[in-house]
Amino acid sequence: MWYNTAMQTGISTASLFPRLATEDALIKIMSLGAECAEVFFSTFYEYRPEFSKPLAARINNFPVNSVHVISVNFESNFFNPSRRVRGDGMYWLDQLLRSAQLLGCKNYTFHGFHRLHGGAGDDFNVLAARLGEVLAFASRYGVSVNLENVAWSLYNRPGVFSRLKERLPALRGVFDIKQARRSHYPWQAYLKDMAGAIEYVHLSDVDENGRMCLPGRGVFNFGELYKALKDAGFAGNALIEVYGDDYGDTDELARSVEYLKELAYKIF
């Protein structure tokens, strides 16, 4: 069924890892009724433009909403006090952003550094200065850096985004429902923290036992979430991001896409 709504419903290639290689996952997503995709590059090999150039030809302008990387590979470099270490991170960021351009992509899902201990003592002036370097670099490529609420990374609790946003007006956010669950903070608190600056969302569901599953297959109230997103000024896309053992056949992904499309049509 065709739904007339500004919100596009898509799938992250992470949802097909490790079943399919990244390039094959993207092609598969195009056959599942998705209106867009996030390309989650899984290794340094895939960050390079040499990987994305032939892939861009294969997808024939299919909308790539965003690119994503394994954050442990180089994102923590940006927050290191050593300029040389940060420079290594910028080298790989350059590779990634050139790849994003080839795919016609304007968004980069960003985690930042991994937290080993809490975070109550954050120096937001220092964090903003480091993150600001990333935003400025990415802007040269026409790509927005979007900070995701990840329970074990930079944005690990409500309040982090808004304090960085005060210092970095260009900063945008990514709301991930699974990461909100893992943080043990109410998901509503993240929407309030990012209100007016949520670029897109990552969606998953949970069953009655708390096991992650596809949207529409569990107990989470997506109608409530979509209404809250609308109230928060959201005007972006929704991407299914689960893992390979969270569902059975890939036809289940197609049914989840259809479920979210219909919900978006009713609410947005």
C-alpha atoms as a PDB file:
ATOM      1  CA  MET A   1       0.000   0.000   0.000  1.00  0.00           C
ATOM      2  CA  TRP A   2       1.217   3.539  -0.763  1.00  0.00           C
ATOM      3  CA  TYR A   3       1.108   6.159   1.998  1.00  0.00           C
ATOM      4  CA  ASN A   4       1.433   9.883   1.372  1.00  0.00           C
ATOM      5  CA  THR A   5       3.574  11.163   4.235  1.00  0.00           C
ATOM      6  CA  ALA A   6       6.697  13.297   4.498  1.00  0.00           C
ATOM      7  CA  MET A   7       8.269  10.811   6.901  1.00  0.00           C
ATOM      8  CA  GLN A   8      10.210   8.066   5.156  1.00  0.00           C
ATOM      9  CA  THR A   9      10.427   4.661   6.797  1.00  0.00           C
ATOM     10  CA  GLY A  10      13.653   2.765   6.266  1.00  0.00           C
ATOM     11  CA  ILE A  11      16.020   0.105   7.545  1.00  0.00           C
ATOM     12  CA  SER A  12      19.607   0.226   8.742  1.00  0.00           C
ATOM     13  CA  THR A  13      21.972  -2.268   7.140  1.00  0.00           C
ATOM     14  CA  ALA A  14      22.928  -3.133  10.740  1.00  0.00           C
ATOM     15  CA  SER A  15      19.634  -5.039  10.861  1.00  0.00           C
ATOM     16  CA  LEU A  16      21.040  -7.520   8.334  1.00  0.00           C
ATOM     17  CA  PHE A  17      24.508  -7.903   9.880  1.00  0.00           C
ATOM     18  CA  PRO A  18      26.093 -10.443   9.745  1.00  0.00           C
ATOM     19  CA  ARG A  19      23.594 -12.194   7.478  1.00  0.00           C
ATOM     20  CA  LEU A  20      24.628 -10.067   4.510  1.00  0.00           C
ATOM     21  CA  ALA A  21      27.627  -7.944   3.617  1.00  0.00           C
ATOM     22  CA  THR A  22      26.907  -4.224   3.837  1.00  0.00           C
ATOM     23  CA  GLU A  23      26.520  -3.719   0.089  1.00  0.00           C
ATOM     24  CA  ASP A  24      24.223  -6.727  -0.275  1.00  0.00           C
ATOM     25  CA  ALA A  25      22.222  -5.633   2.763  1.00  0.00           C
ATOM     26  CA  LEU A  26      21.534  -2.275   1.132  1.00  0.00           C
ATOM     27  CA  ILE A  27      20.334  -3.936  -2.065  1.00  0.00           C
ATOM     28  CA  LYS A  28      18.119  -6.254  -0.006  1.00  0.00           C
ATOM     29  CA  ILE A  29      16.609  -3.308   1.883  1.00  0.00           C
ATOM     30  CA  MET A  30      15.519  -1.789  -1.428  1.00  0.00           C
ATOM     31  CA  SER A  31      13.378  -4.893  -2.024  1.00  0.00           C
ATOM     32  CA  LEU A  32      11.616  -4.813   1.363  1.00  0.00           C
ATOM     33  CA  GLY A  33       9.404  -1.769   0.843  1.00  0.00           C
ATOM     34  CA  ALA A  34      11.789   0.593   2.626  1.00  0.00           C
ATOM     35  CA  GLU A  35      11.760   4.204   1.474  1.00  0.00           C
ATOM     36  CA  CYS A  36      15.319   4.911   2.639  1.00  0.00           C
ATOM     37  CA  ALA A  37      18.224   3.265   4.424  1.00  0.00           C
ATOM     38  CA  GLU A  38      21.060   3.865   6.803  1.00  0.00           C
ATOM     39  CA  VAL A  39      24.380   2.400   5.704  1.00  0.00           C
ATOM     40  CA  PHE A  40      26.208   1.068   8.744  1.00  0.00           C
ATOM     41  CA  PHE A  41      29.777   0.568   7.569  1.00  0.00           C
ATOM     42  CA  SER A  42      31.217  -2.360   9.508  1.00  0.00           C
ATOM     43  CA  THR A  43      34.966  -1.961   8.937  1.00  0.00           C
ATOM     44  CA  PHE A  44      37.713   0.420   7.835  1.00  0.00           C
ATOM     45  CA  TYR A  45      37.640  -1.294   4.440  1.00  0.00           C
ATOM     46  CA  GLU A  46      34.111   0.008   3.912  1.00  0.00           C
ATOM     47  CA  TYR A  47      34.749   3.604   4.972  1.00  0.00           C
ATOM     48  CA  ARG A  48      36.736   4.339   1.820  1.00  0.00           C
ATOM     49  CA  PRO A  49      35.228   6.010  -1.268  1.00  0.00           C
ATOM     50  CA  GLU A  50      36.541   3.099  -3.326  1.00  0.00           C
ATOM     51  CA  PHE A  51      33.926   0.951  -1.587  1.00  0.00           C
ATOM     52  CA  SER A  52      31.017   3.374  -1.965  1.00  0.00           C
ATOM     53  CA  LYS A  53      31.553   4.400  -5.576  1.00  0.00           C
ATOM     54  CA  PRO A  54      30.420   1.091  -7.141  1.00  0.00           C
ATOM     55  CA  LEU A  55      27.728   0.757  -4.474  1.00  0.00           C
ATOM     56  CA  ALA A  56      26.291   4.152  -5.445  1.00  0.00           C
ATOM     57  CA  ALA A  57      25.994   2.955  -9.029  1.00  0.00           C
ATOM     58  CA  ARG A  58      24.159  -0.197  -7.905  1.00  0.00           C
ATOM     59  CA  ILE A  59      21.518   1.591  -5.820  1.00  0.00           C
ATOM     60  CA  ASN A  60      20.661   4.112  -8.576  1.00  0.00           C
ATOM     61  CA  ASN A  61      19.850   7.099  -6.304  1.00  0.00           C
ATOM     62  CA  PHE A  62      17.941   5.129  -3.671  1.00  0.00           C
ATOM     63  CA  PRO A  63      17.764   7.475  -0.638  1.00  0.00           C
ATOM     64  CA  VAL A  64      20.530   6.902   1.889  1.00  0.00           C
ATOM     65  CA  ASN A  65      19.334   8.756   4.964  1.00  0.00           C
ATOM     66  CA  SER A  66      22.550   8.391   6.944  1.00  0.00           C
ATOM     67  CA  VAL A  67      25.885   6.678   7.358  1.00  0.00           C
ATOM     68  CA  HIS A  68      27.151   5.092  10.553  1.00  0.00           C
ATOM     69  CA  VAL A  69      30.447   3.545  11.665  1.00  0.00           C
ATOM     70  CA  ILE A  70      31.803   1.266  14.366  1.00  0.00           C
ATOM     71  CA  SER A  71      32.471   4.049  16.838  1.00  0.00           C
ATOM     72  CA  VAL A  72      35.411   2.334  18.533  1.00  0.00           C
ATOM     73  CA  ASN A  73      37.367   2.537  15.272  1.00  0.00           C
ATOM     74  CA  PHE A  74      38.086   6.249  15.276  1.00  0.00           C
ATOM     75  CA  GLU A  75      35.387   8.446  16.863  1.00  0.00           C
ATOM     76  CA  SER A  76      37.080   8.495  20.275  1.00  0.00           C
ATOM     77  CA  ASN A  77      40.146  10.008  18.568  1.00  0.00           C
ATOM     78  CA  PHE A  78      38.326  13.312  18.218  1.00  0.00           C
ATOM     79  CA  PHE A  79      38.271  13.798  21.992  1.00  0.00           C
ATOM     80  CA  ASN A  80      41.926  12.958  22.613  1.00  0.00           C
ATOM     81  CA  PRO A  81      44.139  15.830  23.887  1.00  0.00           C
ATOM     82  CA  SER A  82      46.785  14.901  21.307  1.00  0.00           C
ATOM     83  CA  ARG A  83      46.415  16.757  18.028  1.00  0.00           C
ATOM     84  CA  ARG A  84      48.154  13.878  16.246  1.00  0.00           C
ATOM     85  CA  VAL A  85      45.603  11.381  17.552  1.00  0.00           C
ATOM     86  CA  ARG A  86      42.747  13.669  16.525  1.00  0.00           C
ATOM     87  CA  GLY A  87      44.365  13.986  13.108  1.00  0.00           C
ATOM     88  CA  ASP A  88      44.191  10.233  12.590  1.00  0.00           C
ATOM     89  CA  GLY A  89      40.479  10.420  13.347  1.00  0.00           C
ATOM     90  CA  MET A  90      40.077  13.222  10.806  1.00  0.00           C
ATOM     91  CA  TYR A  91      41.771  11.096   8.151  1.00  0.00           C
ATOM     92  CA  TRP A  92      39.095   8.416   8.493  1.00  0.00           C
ATOM     93  CA  LEU A  93      36.363  11.005   8.834  1.00  0.00           C
ATOM     94  CA  ASP A  94      37.468  12.397   5.472  1.00  0.00           C
ATOM     95  CA  GLN A  95      37.149   8.921   3.958  1.00  0.00           C
ATOM     96  CA  LEU A  96      33.697   8.464   5.450  1.00  0.00           C
ATOM     97  CA  LEU A  97      32.408  11.854   4.330  1.00  0.00           C
ATOM     98  CA  ARG A  98      33.621  11.321   0.776  1.00  0.00           C
ATOM     99  CA  SER A  99      31.727   8.041   0.810  1.00  0.00           C
ATOM    100  CA  ALA A 100      28.614   9.798   2.117  1.00  0.00           C
ATOM    101  CA  GLN A 101      28.822  12.264  -0.769  1.00  0.00           C
ATOM    102  CA  LEU A 102      29.005   9.433  -3.293  1.00  0.00           C
ATOM    103  CA  LEU A 103      25.871   7.891  -1.793  1.00  0.00           C
ATOM    104  CA  GLY A 104      24.018  11.212  -1.841  1.00  0.00           C
ATOM    105  CA  CYS A 105      23.863  11.133   1.955  1.00  0.00           C
ATOM    106  CA  LYS A 106      23.629  14.248   4.154  1.00  0.00           C
ATOM    107  CA  ASN A 107      23.741  12.687   7.631  1.00  0.00           C
ATOM    108  CA  TYR A 108      26.318  11.009   9.859  1.00  0.00           C
ATOM    109  CA  THR A 109      25.154   9.128  12.970  1.00  0.00           C
ATOM    110  CA  PHE A 110      27.721   9.911  15.669  1.00  0.00           C
ATOM    111  CA  HIS A 111      28.462   8.168  18.976  1.00  0.00           C
ATOM    112  CA  GLY A 112      31.708   9.773  20.127  1.00  0.00           C
ATOM    113  CA  PHE A 113      33.902   8.280  22.833  1.00  0.00           C
ATOM    114  CA  HIS A 114      33.037   5.309  25.037  1.00  0.00           C
ATOM    115  CA  ARG A 115      32.426   5.998  28.707  1.00  0.00           C
ATOM    116  CA  LEU A 116      34.122   3.806  31.275  1.00  0.00           C
ATOM    117  CA  HIS A 117      32.849   5.697  34.298  1.00  0.00           C
ATOM    118  CA  GLY A 118      29.653   7.708  34.690  1.00  0.00           C
ATOM    119  CA  GLY A 119      30.050  11.202  33.279  1.00  0.00           C
ATOM    120  CA  ALA A 120      28.769  13.628  35.905  1.00  0.00           C
ATOM    121  CA  GLY A 121      32.051  15.529  35.753  1.00  0.00           C
ATOM    122  CA  ASP A 122      31.901  16.339  32.028  1.00  0.00           C
ATOM    123  CA  ASP A 123      33.633  19.531  30.957  1.00  0.00           C
ATOM    124  CA  PHE A 124      31.136  20.621  28.318  1.00  0.00           C
ATOM    125  CA  ASN A 125      33.342  23.447  27.092  1.00  0.00           C
ATOM    126  CA  VAL A 126      36.079  20.957  26.196  1.00  0.00           C
ATOM    127  CA  LEU A 127      33.627  18.428  24.766  1.00  0.00           C
ATOM    128  CA  ALA A 128      31.976  21.104  22.634  1.00  0.00           C
ATOM    129  CA  ALA A 129      35.320  22.355  21.375  1.00  0.00           C
ATOM    130  CA  ARG A 130      36.308  18.868  20.225  1.00  0.00           C
ATOM    131  CA  LEU A 131      32.910  18.049  18.779  1.00  0.00           C
ATOM    132  CA  GLY A 132      32.820  21.450  17.098  1.00  0.00           C
ATOM    133  CA  GLU A 133      35.919  20.500  15.116  1.00  0.00           C
ATOM    134  CA  VAL A 134      34.049  17.458  13.782  1.00  0.00           C
ATOM    135  CA  LEU A 135      30.976  19.505  12.877  1.00  0.00           C
ATOM    136  CA  ALA A 136      33.069  22.113  11.067  1.00  0.00           C
ATOM    137  CA  PHE A 137      34.987  19.471   9.129  1.00  0.00           C
ATOM    138  CA  ALA A 138      31.822  17.622   8.099  1.00  0.00           C
ATOM    139  CA  SER A 139      30.107  20.835   6.998  1.00  0.00           C
ATOM    140  CA  ARG A 140      32.687  21.184   4.220  1.00  0.00           C
ATOM    141  CA  TYR A 141      31.189  18.040   2.691  1.00  0.00           C
ATOM    142  CA  GLY A 142      27.587  19.103   3.213  1.00  0.00           C
ATOM    143  CA  VAL A 143      27.079  16.459   5.912  1.00  0.00           C
ATOM    144  CA  SER A 144      25.351  16.997   9.256  1.00  0.00           C
ATOM    145  CA  VAL A 145      26.813  15.361  12.383  1.00  0.00           C
ATOM    146  CA  ASN A 146      23.969  13.914  14.458  1.00  0.00           C
ATOM    147  CA  LEU A 147      24.669  12.840  18.038  1.00  0.00           C
ATOM    148  CA  GLU A 148      22.873   9.659  19.078  1.00  0.00           C
ATOM    149  CA  ASN A 149      21.728   8.899  22.613  1.00  0.00           C
ATOM    150  CA  VAL A 150      23.910   5.841  23.273  1.00  0.00           C
ATOM    151  CA  ALA A 151      23.895   4.512  26.824  1.00  0.00           C
ATOM    152  CA  TRP A 152      27.615   3.724  26.853  1.00  0.00           C
ATOM    153  CA  SER A 153      28.892   6.685  24.875  1.00  0.00           C
ATOM    154  CA  LEU A 154      29.058  10.499  24.878  1.00  0.00           C
ATOM    155  CA  TYR A 155      25.294  11.107  25.030  1.00  0.00           C
ATOM    156  CA  ASN A 156      24.592   8.657  27.836  1.00  0.00           C
ATOM    157  CA  ARG A 157      21.878  10.584  29.707  1.00  0.00           C
ATOM    158  CA  PRO A 158      19.327  13.366  29.194  1.00  0.00           C
ATOM    159  CA  GLY A 159      20.892  16.806  29.486  1.00  0.00           C
ATOM    160  CA  VAL A 160      24.100  16.069  27.620  1.00  0.00           C
ATOM    161  CA  PHE A 161      22.662  17.025  24.238  1.00  0.00           C
ATOM    162  CA  SER A 162      21.088  20.286  25.364  1.00  0.00           C
ATOM    163  CA  ARG A 163      24.284  21.433  27.075  1.00  0.00           C
ATOM    164  CA  LEU A 164      26.304  20.718  23.938  1.00  0.00           C
ATOM    165  CA  LYS A 165      23.632  22.328  21.764  1.00  0.00           C
ATOM    166  CA  GLU A 166      23.968  25.552  23.764  1.00  0.00           C
ATOM    167  CA  ARG A 167      27.580  25.711  22.623  1.00  0.00           C
ATOM    168  CA  LEU A 168      27.084  24.173  19.159  1.00  0.00           C
ATOM    169  CA  PRO A 169      23.870  25.508  17.568  1.00  0.00           C
ATOM    170  CA  ALA A 170      24.403  23.390  14.427  1.00  0.00           C
ATOM    171  CA  LEU A 171      24.342  20.126  16.401  1.00  0.00           C
ATOM    172  CA  ARG A 172      21.506  17.728  15.558  1.00  0.00           C
ATOM    173  CA  GLY A 173      20.420  14.551  17.320  1.00  0.00           C
ATOM    174  CA  VAL A 174      19.402  10.958  16.640  1.00  0.00           C
ATOM    175  CA  PHE A 175      16.881   9.373  18.978  1.00  0.00           C
ATOM    176  CA  ASP A 176      17.369   5.623  19.490  1.00  0.00           C
ATOM    177  CA  ILE A 177      14.648   3.884  21.485  1.00  0.00           C
ATOM    178  CA  LYS A 178      16.765   0.819  22.313  1.00  0.00           C
ATOM    179  CA  GLN A 179      19.520   3.016  23.751  1.00  0.00           C
ATOM    180  CA  ALA A 180      16.981   4.956  25.815  1.00  0.00           C
ATOM    181  CA  ARG A 181      15.887   1.621  27.319  1.00  0.00           C
ATOM    182  CA  ARG A 182      19.467   0.632  28.048  1.00  0.00           C
ATOM    183  CA  SER A 183      20.191   3.944  29.773  1.00  0.00           C
ATOM    184  CA  HIS A 184      17.293   3.374  32.222  1.00  0.00           C
ATOM    185  CA  TYR A 185      16.113   6.954  31.677  1.00  0.00           C
ATOM    186  CA  PRO A 186      12.594   7.603  30.337  1.00  0.00           C
ATOM    187  CA  TRP A 187      12.574   7.902  26.567  1.00  0.00           C
ATOM    188  CA  GLN A 188      10.403  11.001  26.943  1.00  0.00           C
ATOM    189  CA  ALA A 189      13.319  12.753  28.668  1.00  0.00           C
ATOM    190  CA  TYR A 190      15.464  12.329  25.551  1.00  0.00           C
ATOM    191  CA  LEU A 191      12.763  13.788  23.307  1.00  0.00           C
ATOM    192  CA  LYS A 192      12.517  16.796  25.604  1.00  0.00           C
ATOM    193  CA  ASP A 193      16.308  17.165  25.620  1.00  0.00           C
ATOM    194  CA  MET A 194      16.506  17.068  21.801  1.00  0.00           C
ATOM    195  CA  ALA A 195      13.201  18.816  21.031  1.00  0.00           C
ATOM    196  CA  GLY A 196      13.377  20.703  17.748  1.00  0.00           C
ATOM    197  CA  ALA A 197      16.710  19.113  16.803  1.00  0.00           C
ATOM    198  CA  ILE A 198      15.906  15.420  16.189  1.00  0.00           C
ATOM    199  CA  GLU A 199      17.105  14.627  12.679  1.00  0.00           C
ATOM    200  CA  TYR A 200      15.884  10.992  12.496  1.00  0.00           C
ATOM    201  CA  VAL A 201      15.113   8.058  14.778  1.00  0.00           C
ATOM    202  CA  HIS A 202      16.239   4.439  15.226  1.00  0.00           C
ATOM    203  CA  LEU A 203      13.431   2.081  16.132  1.00  0.00           C
ATOM    204  CA  SER A 204      13.105  -1.380  17.658  1.00  0.00           C
ATOM    205  CA  ASP A 205      10.595  -3.111  19.895  1.00  0.00           C
ATOM    206  CA  VAL A 206      10.712  -5.448  22.910  1.00  0.00           C
ATOM    207  CA  ASP A 207       8.596  -8.472  23.683  1.00  0.00           C
ATOM    208  CA  GLU A 208       6.976  -9.277  27.030  1.00  0.00           C
ATOM    209  CA  ASN A 209      10.269 -10.769  28.231  1.00  0.00           C
ATOM    210  CA  GLY A 210      12.294  -7.670  27.360  1.00  0.00           C
ATOM    211  CA  ARG A 211      13.924  -9.248  24.310  1.00  0.00           C
ATOM    212  CA  MET A 212      14.455  -6.904  21.371  1.00  0.00           C
ATOM    213  CA  CYS A 213      12.316  -7.502  18.288  1.00  0.00           C
ATOM    214  CA  LEU A 214      11.013  -5.691  15.237  1.00  0.00           C
ATOM    215  CA  PRO A 215       8.657  -2.695  15.590  1.00  0.00           C
ATOM    216  CA  GLY A 216       5.077  -3.939  15.725  1.00  0.00           C
ATOM    217  CA  ARG A 217       6.043  -7.393  16.993  1.00  0.00           C
ATOM    218  CA  GLY A 218       6.420  -6.460  20.660  1.00  0.00           C
ATOM    219  CA  VAL A 219       4.719  -4.522  23.441  1.00  0.00           C
ATOM    220  CA  PHE A 220       6.066  -0.992  22.944  1.00  0.00           C
ATOM    221  CA  ASN A 221       3.476   1.708  22.167  1.00  0.00           C
ATOM    222  CA  PHE A 222       4.708   3.254  18.920  1.00  0.00           C
ATOM    223  CA  GLY A 223       1.557   5.342  18.591  1.00  0.00           C
ATOM    224  CA  GLU A 224       2.495   7.134  21.800  1.00  0.00           C
ATOM    225  CA  LEU A 225       6.066   7.591  20.582  1.00  0.00           C
ATOM    226  CA  TYR A 226       5.024   8.990  17.194  1.00  0.00           C
ATOM    227  CA  LYS A 227       2.609  11.447  18.815  1.00  0.00           C
ATOM    228  CA  ALA A 228       5.368  12.570  21.213  1.00  0.00           C
ATOM    229  CA  LEU A 229       7.803  12.965  18.306  1.00  0.00           C
ATOM    230  CA  LYS A 230       5.295  15.101  16.457  1.00  0.00           C
ATOM    231  CA  ASP A 231       4.812  17.269  19.560  1.00  0.00           C
ATOM    232  CA  ALA A 232       8.615  17.618  19.816  1.00  0.00           C
ATOM    233  CA  GLY A 233       8.727  19.113  16.320  1.00  0.00           C
ATOM    234  CA  PHE A 234      10.078  16.010  14.616  1.00  0.00           C
ATOM    235  CA  ALA A 235      10.055  16.076  10.817  1.00  0.00           C
ATOM    236  CA  GLY A 236      12.625  13.412   9.917  1.00  0.00           C
ATOM    237  CA  ASN A 237      12.758   9.751   8.946  1.00  0.00           C
ATOM    238  CA  ALA A 238      12.351   6.549  10.945  1.00  0.00           C
ATOM    239  CA  LEU A 239      14.811   3.681  10.544  1.00  0.00           C
ATOM    240  CA  ILE A 240      14.465   0.169  11.859  1.00  0.00           C
ATOM    241  CA  GLU A 241      17.670  -0.820  13.642  1.00  0.00           C
ATOM    242  CA  VAL A 242      17.662  -4.267  15.175  1.00  0.00           C
ATOM    243  CA  TYR A 243      20.202  -7.090  15.023  1.00  0.00           C
ATOM    244  CA  GLY A 244      20.349 -10.268  12.982  1.00  0.00           C
ATOM    245  CA  ASP A 245      19.108 -12.571  15.740  1.00  0.00           C
ATOM    246  CA  ASP A 246      16.127 -10.363  16.655  1.00  0.00           C
ATOM    247  CA  TYR A 247      13.859 -11.766  13.938  1.00  0.00           C
ATOM    248  CA  GLY A 248      13.459 -14.731  11.595  1.00  0.00           C
ATOM    249  CA  ASP A 249      12.934 -14.318   7.861  1.00  0.00           C
ATOM    250  CA  THR A 250      13.639 -10.998   6.160  1.00  0.00           C
ATOM    251  CA  ASP A 251       9.963 -10.860   5.165  1.00  0.00           C
ATOM    252  CA  GLU A 252       9.407  -9.860   8.785  1.00  0.00           C
ATOM    253  CA  LEU A 253      11.400  -6.703   8.109  1.00  0.00           C
ATOM    254  CA  ALA A 254       9.058  -5.861   5.235  1.00  0.00           C
ATOM    255  CA  ARG A 255       6.010  -6.284   7.490  1.00  0.00           C
ATOM    256  CA  SER A 256       7.574  -4.037  10.122  1.00  0.00           C
ATOM    257  CA  VAL A 257       8.238  -1.362   7.501  1.00  0.00           C
ATOM    258  CA  GLU A 258       4.592  -1.540   6.429  1.00  0.00           C
ATOM    259  CA  TYR A 259       3.442  -1.246  10.047  1.00  0.00           C
ATOM    260  CA  LEU A 260       5.511   1.903  10.596  1.00  0.00           C
ATOM    261  CA  LYS A 261       4.472   3.428   7.273  1.00  0.00           C
ATOM    262  CA  GLU A 262       0.824   3.092   8.176  1.00  0.00           C
ATOM    263  CA  LEU A 263       1.419   4.560  11.627  1.00  0.00           C
ATOM    264  CA  ALA A 264       3.302   7.527  10.163  1.00  0.00           C
ATOM    265  CA  TYR A 265       0.420   8.142   7.755  1.00  0.00           C
ATOM    266  CA  LYS A 266      -2.092   8.215  10.603  1.00  0.00           C
ATOM    267  CA  ILE A 267      -0.090  10.475  12.923  1.00  0.00           C
ATOM    268  CA  PHE A 268       2.121  12.677  10.767  1.00  0.00           C
END
